[in-house]
Amino acid sequence: MEQGEIEVLLELGQSYLLNKEYEHAIKKFNEALSINPHDAELYYNLGLAYEGANKLLKAISMYEKTLYLDKTFSNAEIRLNKLKEKMTEAKEKSTEKTK
């Protein structure tokens, strides 16, 4: 039953994600991860939800966890690089403002 439960939670989370209901998506993906904490796809989807909720450090952490579990997960690598670039640019802009 666990695998079926995970699939339902994943589908619910993805539905919330598509509807930009990020906090609900985060909850469902976390529930699924409590059943199977070794699923790279769940971490990736959780990263997308955190990113949508503008919780960028948590999103980065989830993408890194995705890649730790599956080094070939190219979408996670793409999102991770984009977020790191975005955060670097934001840091540079804030440094320029304080000069």
PDB file of N, CA and C in Angstrom:
ATOM      1  N   MET A   1       0.820  -1.208   0.000  1.00  0.00           N
ATOM      2  CA  MET A   1       0.000   0.000   0.000  1.00  0.00           C
ATOM      3  C   MET A   1       0.854   1.257   0.000  1.00  0.00           C
ATOM      4  N   GLU A   2       2.077   1.163   0.548  1.00  0.00           N
ATOM      5  CA  GLU A   2       2.921   2.349   0.625  1.00  0.00           C
ATOM      6  C   GLU A   2       3.170   2.979  -0.739  1.00  0.00           C
ATOM      7  N   GLN A   3       3.493   2.171  -1.757  1.00  0.00           N
ATOM      8  CA  GLN A   3       3.776   2.727  -3.082  1.00  0.00           C
ATOM      9  C   GLN A   3       2.543   3.421  -3.643  1.00  0.00           C
ATOM     10  N   GLY A   4       1.386   2.824  -3.475  1.00  0.00           N
ATOM     11  CA  GLY A   4       0.151   3.446  -3.944  1.00  0.00           C
ATOM     12  C   GLY A   4      -0.123   4.749  -3.218  1.00  0.00           C
ATOM     13  N   GLU A   5       0.173   4.763  -1.934  1.00  0.00           N
ATOM     14  CA  GLU A   5      -0.008   5.970  -1.117  1.00  0.00           C
ATOM     15  C   GLU A   5       0.923   7.087  -1.604  1.00  0.00           C
ATOM     16  N   ILE A   6       2.168   6.714  -1.893  1.00  0.00           N
ATOM     17  CA  ILE A   6       3.141   7.693  -2.394  1.00  0.00           C
ATOM     18  C   ILE A   6       2.671   8.277  -3.719  1.00  0.00           C
ATOM     19  N   GLU A   7       2.180   7.418  -4.604  1.00  0.00           N
ATOM     20  CA  GLU A   7       1.712   7.891  -5.913  1.00  0.00           C
ATOM     21  C   GLU A   7       0.555   8.875  -5.768  1.00  0.00           C
ATOM     22  N   VAL A   8      -0.366   8.595  -4.866  1.00  0.00           N
ATOM     23  CA  VAL A   8      -1.500   9.502  -4.629  1.00  0.00           C
ATOM     24  C   VAL A   8      -1.001  10.836  -4.093  1.00  0.00           C
ATOM     25  N   LEU A   9      -0.094  10.782  -3.118  1.00  0.00           N
ATOM     26  CA  LEU A   9       0.453  12.017  -2.543  1.00  0.00           C
ATOM     27  C   LEU A   9       1.233  12.817  -3.587  1.00  0.00           C
ATOM     28  N   LEU A  10       1.988  12.117  -4.446  1.00  0.00           N
ATOM     29  CA  LEU A  10       2.738  12.767  -5.513  1.00  0.00           C
ATOM     30  C   LEU A  10       1.791  13.464  -6.487  1.00  0.00           C
ATOM     31  N   GLU A  11       0.743  12.774  -6.886  1.00  0.00           N
ATOM     32  CA  GLU A  11      -0.226  13.368  -7.818  1.00  0.00           C
ATOM     33  C   GLU A  11      -0.935  14.561  -7.196  1.00  0.00           C
ATOM     34  N   LEU A  12      -1.308  14.446  -5.932  1.00  0.00           N
ATOM     35  CA  LEU A  12      -1.940  15.579  -5.235  1.00  0.00           C
ATOM     36  C   LEU A  12      -0.973  16.759  -5.168  1.00  0.00           C
ATOM     37  N   GLY A  13       0.264  16.482  -4.787  1.00  0.00           N
ATOM     38  CA  GLY A  13       1.274  17.537  -4.702  1.00  0.00           C
ATOM     39  C   GLY A  13       1.491  18.211  -6.039  1.00  0.00           C
ATOM     40  N   GLN A  14       1.560  17.422  -7.110  1.00  0.00           N
ATOM     41  CA  GLN A  14       1.755  17.992  -8.443  1.00  0.00           C
ATOM     42  C   GLN A  14       0.558  18.830  -8.860  1.00  0.00           C
ATOM     43  N   SER A  15      -0.626  18.403  -8.493  1.00  0.00           N
ATOM     44  CA  SER A  15      -1.830  19.173  -8.792  1.00  0.00           C
ATOM     45  C   SER A  15      -1.790  20.526  -8.070  1.00  0.00           C
ATOM     46  N   TYR A  16      -1.428  20.508  -6.797  1.00  0.00           N
ATOM     47  CA  TYR A  16      -1.295  21.760  -6.043  1.00  0.00           C
ATOM     48  C   TYR A  16      -0.210  22.644  -6.673  1.00  0.00           C
ATOM     49  N   LEU A  17       0.869  22.016  -7.088  1.00  0.00           N
ATOM     50  CA  LEU A  17       1.969  22.751  -7.703  1.00  0.00           C
ATOM     51  C   LEU A  17       1.507  23.464  -8.967  1.00  0.00           C
ATOM     52  N   LEU A  18       0.783  22.748  -9.811  1.00  0.00           N
ATOM     53  CA  LEU A  18       0.269  23.336 -11.056  1.00  0.00           C
ATOM     54  C   LEU A  18      -0.690  24.488 -10.797  1.00  0.00           C
ATOM     55  N   ASN A  19      -1.417  24.410  -9.680  1.00  0.00           N
ATOM     56  CA  ASN A  19      -2.367  25.461  -9.319  1.00  0.00           C
ATOM     57  C   ASN A  19      -1.741  26.545  -8.439  1.00  0.00           C
ATOM     58  N   LYS A  20      -0.417  26.490  -8.306  1.00  0.00           N
ATOM     59  CA  LYS A  20       0.350  27.468  -7.524  1.00  0.00           C
ATOM     60  C   LYS A  20      -0.078  27.532  -6.057  1.00  0.00           C
ATOM     61  N   GLU A  21      -0.536  26.393  -5.550  1.00  0.00           N
ATOM     62  CA  GLU A  21      -0.869  26.262  -4.129  1.00  0.00           C
ATOM     63  C   GLU A  21       0.333  25.591  -3.458  1.00  0.00           C
ATOM     64  N   TYR A  22       1.398  26.385  -3.347  1.00  0.00           N
ATOM     65  CA  TYR A  22       2.697  25.838  -2.972  1.00  0.00           C
ATOM     66  C   TYR A  22       2.741  25.235  -1.572  1.00  0.00           C
ATOM     67  N   GLU A  23       2.098  25.867  -0.611  1.00  0.00           N
ATOM     68  CA  GLU A  23       2.143  25.338   0.752  1.00  0.00           C
ATOM     69  C   GLU A  23       1.453  23.970   0.840  1.00  0.00           C
ATOM     70  N   HIS A  24       0.353  23.803   0.113  1.00  0.00           N
ATOM     71  CA  HIS A  24      -0.325  22.496   0.075  1.00  0.00           C
ATOM     72  C   HIS A  24       0.565  21.461  -0.614  1.00  0.00           C
ATOM     73  N   ALA A  25       1.229  21.877  -1.692  1.00  0.00           N
ATOM     74  CA  ALA A  25       2.126  20.968  -2.411  1.00  0.00           C
ATOM     75  C   ALA A  25       3.267  20.533  -1.496  1.00  0.00           C
ATOM     76  N   ILE A  26       3.844  21.479  -0.777  1.00  0.00           N
ATOM     77  CA  ILE A  26       4.942  21.174   0.146  1.00  0.00           C
ATOM     78  C   ILE A  26       4.498  20.129   1.170  1.00  0.00           C
ATOM     79  N   LYS A  27       3.300  20.306   1.692  1.00  0.00           N
ATOM     80  CA  LYS A  27       2.784  19.360   2.688  1.00  0.00           C
ATOM     81  C   LYS A  27       2.659  17.952   2.098  1.00  0.00           C
ATOM     82  N   LYS A  28       2.105  17.841   0.900  1.00  0.00           N
ATOM     83  CA  LYS A  28       1.902  16.516   0.292  1.00  0.00           C
ATOM     84  C   LYS A  28       3.227  15.845  -0.047  1.00  0.00           C
ATOM     85  N   PHE A  29       4.183  16.624  -0.591  1.00  0.00           N
ATOM     86  CA  PHE A  29       5.485  16.036  -0.919  1.00  0.00           C
ATOM     87  C   PHE A  29       6.215  15.592   0.349  1.00  0.00           C
ATOM     88  N   ASN A  30       6.105  16.367   1.415  1.00  0.00           N
ATOM     89  CA  ASN A  30       6.723  15.967   2.681  1.00  0.00           C
ATOM     90  C   ASN A  30       6.078  14.699   3.244  1.00  0.00           C
ATOM     91  N   GLU A  31       4.768  14.586   3.098  1.00  0.00           N
ATOM     92  CA  GLU A  31       4.086  13.358   3.540  1.00  0.00           C
ATOM     93  C   GLU A  31       4.619  12.154   2.768  1.00  0.00           C
ATOM     94  N   ALA A  32       4.777  12.311   1.467  1.00  0.00           N
ATOM     95  CA  ALA A  32       5.293  11.217   0.642  1.00  0.00           C
ATOM     96  C   ALA A  32       6.731  10.876   1.031  1.00  0.00           C
ATOM     97  N   LEU A  33       7.530  11.901   1.321  1.00  0.00           N
ATOM     98  CA  LEU A  33       8.919  11.664   1.719  1.00  0.00           C
ATOM     99  C   LEU A  33       9.008  10.970   3.075  1.00  0.00           C
ATOM    100  N   SER A  34       8.017  11.161   3.933  1.00  0.00           N
ATOM    101  CA  SER A  34       8.033  10.468   5.222  1.00  0.00           C
ATOM    102  C   SER A  34       7.849   8.959   5.022  1.00  0.00           C
ATOM    103  N   ILE A  35       7.231   8.581   3.916  1.00  0.00           N
ATOM    104  CA  ILE A  35       7.048   7.161   3.587  1.00  0.00           C
ATOM    105  C   ILE A  35       8.280   6.618   2.865  1.00  0.00           C
ATOM    106  N   ASN A  36       8.803   7.414   1.924  1.00  0.00           N
ATOM    107  CA  ASN A  36       9.981   6.990   1.162  1.00  0.00           C
ATOM    108  C   ASN A  36      10.967   8.156   1.056  1.00  0.00           C
ATOM    109  N   PRO A  37      11.908   8.243   1.982  1.00  0.00           N
ATOM    110  CA  PRO A  37      12.858   9.355   1.983  1.00  0.00           C
ATOM    111  C   PRO A  37      14.004   9.205   0.981  1.00  0.00           C
ATOM    112  N   HIS A  38      13.904   8.240   0.078  1.00  0.00           N
ATOM    113  CA  HIS A  38      14.985   7.998  -0.884  1.00  0.00           C
ATOM    114  C   HIS A  38      14.525   8.192  -2.323  1.00  0.00           C
ATOM    115  N   ASP A  39      13.472   8.971  -2.530  1.00  0.00           N
ATOM    116  CA  ASP A  39      12.896   9.158  -3.858  1.00  0.00           C
ATOM    117  C   ASP A  39      13.307  10.520  -4.410  1.00  0.00           C
ATOM    118  N   ALA A  40      14.214  10.505  -5.393  1.00  0.00           N
ATOM    119  CA  ALA A  40      14.736  11.748  -5.970  1.00  0.00           C
ATOM    120  C   ALA A  40      13.628  12.613  -6.575  1.00  0.00           C
ATOM    121  N   GLU A  41      12.648  11.985  -7.209  1.00  0.00           N
ATOM    122  CA  GLU A  41      11.560  12.747  -7.836  1.00  0.00           C
ATOM    123  C   GLU A  41      10.760  13.545  -6.801  1.00  0.00           C
ATOM    124  N   LEU A  42      10.563  12.966  -5.628  1.00  0.00           N
ATOM    125  CA  LEU A  42       9.844  13.684  -4.567  1.00  0.00           C
ATOM    126  C   LEU A  42      10.620  14.910  -4.113  1.00  0.00           C
ATOM    127  N   TYR A  43      11.929  14.755  -3.950  1.00  0.00           N
ATOM    128  CA  TYR A  43      12.751  15.908  -3.554  1.00  0.00           C
ATOM    129  C   TYR A  43      12.739  16.990  -4.631  1.00  0.00           C
ATOM    130  N   TYR A  44      12.774  16.565  -5.887  1.00  0.00           N
ATOM    131  CA  TYR A  44      12.736  17.535  -6.989  1.00  0.00           C
ATOM    132  C   TYR A  44      11.419  18.323  -6.967  1.00  0.00           C
ATOM    133  N   ASN A  45      10.319  17.620  -6.828  1.00  0.00           N
ATOM    134  CA  ASN A  45       9.018  18.293  -6.777  1.00  0.00           C
ATOM    135  C   ASN A  45       8.905  19.199  -5.557  1.00  0.00           C
ATOM    136  N   LEU A  46       9.451  18.762  -4.445  1.00  0.00           N
ATOM    137  CA  LEU A  46       9.460  19.607  -3.250  1.00  0.00           C
ATOM    138  C   LEU A  46      10.289  20.865  -3.509  1.00  0.00           C
ATOM    139  N   GLY A  47      11.387  20.704  -4.218  1.00  0.00           N
ATOM    140  CA  GLY A  47      12.200  21.866  -4.601  1.00  0.00           C
ATOM    141  C   GLY A  47      11.411  22.850  -5.451  1.00  0.00           C
ATOM    142  N   LEU A  48      10.647  22.333  -6.400  1.00  0.00           N
ATOM    143  CA  LEU A  48       9.812  23.205  -7.237  1.00  0.00           C
ATOM    144  C   LEU A  48       8.792  23.961  -6.387  1.00  0.00           C
ATOM    145  N   ALA A  49       8.203  23.268  -5.423  1.00  0.00           N
ATOM    146  CA  ALA A  49       7.209  23.902  -4.556  1.00  0.00           C
ATOM    147  C   ALA A  49       7.855  24.980  -3.686  1.00  0.00           C
ATOM    148  N   TYR A  50       9.013  24.679  -3.123  1.00  0.00           N
ATOM    149  CA  TYR A  50       9.715  25.689  -2.327  1.00  0.00           C
ATOM    150  C   TYR A  50      10.107  26.882  -3.194  1.00  0.00           C
ATOM    151  N   GLU A  51      10.549  26.593  -4.394  1.00  0.00           N
ATOM    152  CA  GLU A  51      10.917  27.683  -5.305  1.00  0.00           C
ATOM    153  C   GLU A  51       9.707  28.560  -5.612  1.00  0.00           C
ATOM    154  N   GLY A  52       8.577  27.936  -5.878  1.00  0.00           N
ATOM    155  CA  GLY A  52       7.350  28.678  -6.147  1.00  0.00           C
ATOM    156  C   GLY A  52       6.918  29.521  -4.955  1.00  0.00           C
ATOM    157  N   ALA A  53       7.169  29.010  -3.752  1.00  0.00           N
ATOM    158  CA  ALA A  53       6.818  29.731  -2.525  1.00  0.00           C
ATOM    159  C   ALA A  53       7.899  30.749  -2.141  1.00  0.00           C
ATOM    160  N   ASN A  54       8.902  30.899  -2.995  1.00  0.00           N
ATOM    161  CA  ASN A  54      10.012  31.837  -2.798  1.00  0.00           C
ATOM    162  C   ASN A  54      10.850  31.494  -1.562  1.00  0.00           C
ATOM    163  N   LYS A  55      10.926  30.208  -1.261  1.00  0.00           N
ATOM    164  CA  LYS A  55      11.791  29.717  -0.185  1.00  0.00           C
ATOM    165  C   LYS A  55      13.023  29.116  -0.867  1.00  0.00           C
ATOM    166  N   LEU A  56      13.856  30.019  -1.365  1.00  0.00           N
ATOM    167  CA  LEU A  56      14.914  29.622  -2.282  1.00  0.00           C
ATOM    168  C   LEU A  56      15.993  28.762  -1.647  1.00  0.00           C
ATOM    169  N   LEU A  57      16.361  29.029  -0.417  1.00  0.00           N
ATOM    170  CA  LEU A  57      17.385  28.198   0.221  1.00  0.00           C
ATOM    171  C   LEU A  57      16.894  26.766   0.413  1.00  0.00           C
ATOM    172  N   LYS A  58      15.623  26.621   0.770  1.00  0.00           N
ATOM    173  CA  LYS A  58      15.052  25.274   0.906  1.00  0.00           C
ATOM    174  C   LYS A  58      14.978  24.592  -0.461  1.00  0.00           C
ATOM    175  N   ALA A  59      14.638  25.357  -1.498  1.00  0.00           N
ATOM    176  CA  ALA A  59      14.576  24.794  -2.849  1.00  0.00           C
ATOM    177  C   ALA A  59      15.956  24.289  -3.268  1.00  0.00           C
ATOM    178  N   ILE A  60      16.978  25.094  -3.026  1.00  0.00           N
ATOM    179  CA  ILE A  60      18.348  24.682  -3.359  1.00  0.00           C
ATOM    180  C   ILE A  60      18.697  23.391  -2.636  1.00  0.00           C
ATOM    181  N   SER A  61      18.355  23.318  -1.369  1.00  0.00           N
ATOM    182  CA  SER A  61      18.638  22.119  -0.584  1.00  0.00           C
ATOM    183  C   SER A  61      17.946  20.887  -1.169  1.00  0.00           C
ATOM    184  N   MET A  62      16.704  21.050  -1.622  1.00  0.00           N
ATOM    185  CA  MET A  62      15.969  19.920  -2.195  1.00  0.00           C
ATOM    186  C   MET A  62      16.577  19.482  -3.533  1.00  0.00           C
ATOM    187  N   TYR A  63      16.991  20.443  -4.348  1.00  0.00           N
ATOM    188  CA  TYR A  63      17.628  20.090  -5.629  1.00  0.00           C
ATOM    189  C   TYR A  63      18.956  19.379  -5.382  1.00  0.00           C
ATOM    190  N   GLU A  64      19.701  19.848  -4.374  1.00  0.00           N
ATOM    191  CA  GLU A  64      20.960  19.178  -4.042  1.00  0.00           C
ATOM    192  C   GLU A  64      20.706  17.749  -3.561  1.00  0.00           C
ATOM    193  N   LYS A  65      19.666  17.565  -2.770  1.00  0.00           N
ATOM    194  CA  LYS A  65      19.318  16.222  -2.285  1.00  0.00           C
ATOM    195  C   LYS A  65      18.902  15.328  -3.463  1.00  0.00           C
ATOM    196  N   THR A  66      18.158  15.915  -4.411  1.00  0.00           N
ATOM    197  CA  THR A  66      17.765  15.171  -5.613  1.00  0.00           C
ATOM    198  C   THR A  66      18.999  14.651  -6.333  1.00  0.00           C
ATOM    199  N   LEU A  67      19.982  15.536  -6.525  1.00  0.00           N
ATOM    200  CA  LEU A  67      21.192  15.156  -7.251  1.00  0.00           C
ATOM    201  C   LEU A  67      22.068  14.197  -6.453  1.00  0.00           C
ATOM    202  N   TYR A  68      22.004  14.280  -5.133  1.00  0.00           N
ATOM    203  CA  TYR A  68      22.726  13.327  -4.294  1.00  0.00           C
ATOM    204  C   TYR A  68      22.171  11.912  -4.523  1.00  0.00           C
ATOM    205  N   LEU A  69      20.841  11.831  -4.637  1.00  0.00           N
ATOM    206  CA  LEU A  69      20.195  10.529  -4.832  1.00  0.00           C
ATOM    207  C   LEU A  69      20.268  10.050  -6.275  1.00  0.00           C
ATOM    208  N   ASP A  70      20.299  11.003  -7.225  1.00  0.00           N
ATOM    209  CA  ASP A  70      20.322  10.645  -8.642  1.00  0.00           C
ATOM    210  C   ASP A  70      21.123  11.695  -9.404  1.00  0.00           C
ATOM    211  N   LYS A  71      22.391  11.406  -9.614  1.00  0.00           N
ATOM    212  CA  LYS A  71      23.297  12.358 -10.268  1.00  0.00           C
ATOM    213  C   LYS A  71      22.903  12.664 -11.715  1.00  0.00           C
ATOM    214  N   THR A  72      22.043  11.854 -12.303  1.00  0.00           N
ATOM    215  CA  THR A  72      21.646  12.052 -13.706  1.00  0.00           C
ATOM    216  C   THR A  72      20.358  12.868 -13.840  1.00  0.00           C
ATOM    217  N   PHE A  73      19.827  13.379 -12.746  1.00  0.00           N
ATOM    218  CA  PHE A  73      18.560  14.121 -12.756  1.00  0.00           C
ATOM    219  C   PHE A  73      18.836  15.536 -13.275  1.00  0.00           C
ATOM    220  N   SER A  74      18.857  15.669 -14.603  1.00  0.00           N
ATOM    221  CA  SER A  74      19.301  16.925 -15.220  1.00  0.00           C
ATOM    222  C   SER A  74      18.399  18.118 -14.914  1.00  0.00           C
ATOM    223  N   ASN A  75      17.100  17.903 -14.776  1.00  0.00           N
ATOM    224  CA  ASN A  75      16.213  19.029 -14.462  1.00  0.00           C
ATOM    225  C   ASN A  75      16.555  19.636 -13.106  1.00  0.00           C
ATOM    226  N   ALA A  76      16.927  18.817 -12.158  1.00  0.00           N
ATOM    227  CA  ALA A  76      17.322  19.324 -10.834  1.00  0.00           C
ATOM    228  C   ALA A  76      18.604  20.140 -10.960  1.00  0.00           C
ATOM    229  N   GLU A  77      19.520  19.667 -11.767  1.00  0.00           N
ATOM    230  CA  GLU A  77      20.779  20.398 -11.962  1.00  0.00           C
ATOM    231  C   GLU A  77      20.527  21.755 -12.621  1.00  0.00           C
ATOM    232  N   ILE A  78      19.638  21.781 -13.599  1.00  0.00           N
ATOM    233  CA  ILE A  78      19.286  23.032 -14.280  1.00  0.00           C
ATOM    234  C   ILE A  78      18.656  24.014 -13.295  1.00  0.00           C
ATOM    235  N   ARG A  79      17.664  23.547 -12.530  1.00  0.00           N
ATOM    236  CA  ARG A  79      16.983  24.428 -11.565  1.00  0.00           C
ATOM    237  C   ARG A  79      17.971  24.922 -10.509  1.00  0.00           C
ATOM    238  N   LEU A  80      18.824  24.027 -10.026  1.00  0.00           N
ATOM    239  CA  LEU A  80      19.804  24.381  -9.009  1.00  0.00           C
ATOM    240  C   LEU A  80      20.730  25.479  -9.521  1.00  0.00           C
ATOM    241  N   ASN A  81      21.250  25.316 -10.727  1.00  0.00           N
ATOM    242  CA  ASN A  81      22.160  26.320 -11.289  1.00  0.00           C
ATOM    243  C   ASN A  81      21.462  27.654 -11.490  1.00  0.00           C
ATOM    244  N   LYS A  82      20.220  27.631 -11.959  1.00  0.00           N
ATOM    245  CA  LYS A  82      19.473  28.876 -12.147  1.00  0.00           C
ATOM    246  C   LYS A  82      19.239  29.588 -10.824  1.00  0.00           C
ATOM    247  N   LEU A  83      18.886  28.830  -9.794  1.00  0.00           N
ATOM    248  CA  LEU A  83      18.642  29.439  -8.487  1.00  0.00           C
ATOM    249  C   LEU A  83      19.919  30.016  -7.894  1.00  0.00           C
ATOM    250  N   LYS A  84      21.014  29.288  -8.011  1.00  0.00           N
ATOM    251  CA  LYS A  84      22.283  29.794  -7.478  1.00  0.00           C
ATOM    252  C   LYS A  84      22.683  31.075  -8.204  1.00  0.00           C
ATOM    253  N   GLU A  85      22.477  31.100  -9.516  1.00  0.00           N
ATOM    254  CA  GLU A  85      22.777  32.290 -10.308  1.00  0.00           C
ATOM    255  C   GLU A  85      21.889  33.459  -9.868  1.00  0.00           C
ATOM    256  N   LYS A  86      20.607  33.189  -9.675  1.00  0.00           N
ATOM    257  CA  LYS A  86      19.656  34.204  -9.241  1.00  0.00           C
ATOM    258  C   LYS A  86      20.046  34.781  -7.878  1.00  0.00           C
ATOM    259  N   MET A  87      20.459  33.912  -6.968  1.00  0.00           N
ATOM    260  CA  MET A  87      20.836  34.367  -5.632  1.00  0.00           C
ATOM    261  C   MET A  87      22.138  35.168  -5.673  1.00  0.00           C
ATOM    262  N   THR A  88      23.062  34.775  -6.527  1.00  0.00           N
ATOM    263  CA  THR A  88      24.314  35.530  -6.681  1.00  0.00           C
ATOM    264  C   THR A  88      24.024  36.928  -7.211  1.00  0.00           C
ATOM    265  N   GLU A  89      23.145  37.004  -8.215  1.00  0.00           N
ATOM    266  CA  GLU A  89      22.774  38.313  -8.779  1.00  0.00           C
ATOM    267  C   GLU A  89      22.093  39.181  -7.727  1.00  0.00           C
ATOM    268  N   ALA A  90      21.216  38.607  -6.936  1.00  0.00           N
ATOM    269  CA  ALA A  90      20.519  39.363  -5.898  1.00  0.00           C
ATOM    270  C   ALA A  90      21.509  39.872  -4.852  1.00  0.00           C
ATOM    271  N   LYS A  91      22.477  39.031  -4.505  1.00  0.00           N
ATOM    272  CA  LYS A  91      23.481  39.435  -3.521  1.00  0.00           C
ATOM    273  C   LYS A  91      24.323  40.584  -4.070  1.00  0.00           C
ATOM    274  N   GLU A  92      24.697  40.503  -5.351  1.00  0.00           N
ATOM    275  CA  GLU A  92      25.485  41.563  -5.969  1.00  0.00           C
ATOM    276  C   GLU A  92      24.712  42.869  -6.012  1.00  0.00           C
ATOM    277  N   LYS A  93      23.431  42.806  -6.323  1.00  0.00           N
ATOM    278  CA  LYS A  93      22.601  44.014  -6.365  1.00  0.00           C
ATOM    279  C   LYS A  93      22.481  44.648  -4.990  1.00  0.00           C
ATOM    280  N   SER A  94      22.319  43.827  -3.963  1.00  0.00           N
ATOM    281  CA  SER A  94      22.190  44.376  -2.614  1.00  0.00           C
ATOM    282  C   SER A  94      23.515  44.975  -2.157  1.00  0.00           C
ATOM    283  N   THR A  95      24.633  44.406  -2.588  1.00  0.00           N
ATOM    284  CA  THR A  95      25.952  44.955  -2.260  1.00  0.00           C
ATOM    285  C   THR A  95      26.143  46.299  -2.941  1.00  0.00           C
ATOM    286  N   GLU A  96      25.691  46.425  -4.193  1.00  0.00           N
ATOM    287  CA  GLU A  96      25.806  47.693  -4.927  1.00  0.00           C
ATOM    288  C   GLU A  96      24.987  48.795  -4.258  1.00  0.00           C
ATOM    289  N   LYS A  97      23.831  48.444  -3.729  1.00  0.00           N
ATOM    290  CA  LYS A  97      22.960  49.429  -3.086  1.00  0.00           C
ATOM    291  C   LYS A  97      23.578  49.978  -1.804  1.00  0.00           C
ATOM    292  N   THR A  98      24.373  49.172  -1.119  1.00  0.00           N
ATOM    293  CA  THR A  98      24.956  49.606   0.149  1.00  0.00           C
ATOM    294  C   THR A  98      26.241  50.399  -0.043  1.00  0.00           C
ATOM    295  N   LYS A  99      26.730  50.497  -1.273  1.00  0.00           N
ATOM    296  CA  LYS A  99      27.970  51.259  -1.541  1.00  0.00           C
ATOM    297  C   LYS A  99      27.698  52.726  -1.666  1.00  0.00           C
TER     298      LYS A  99
END
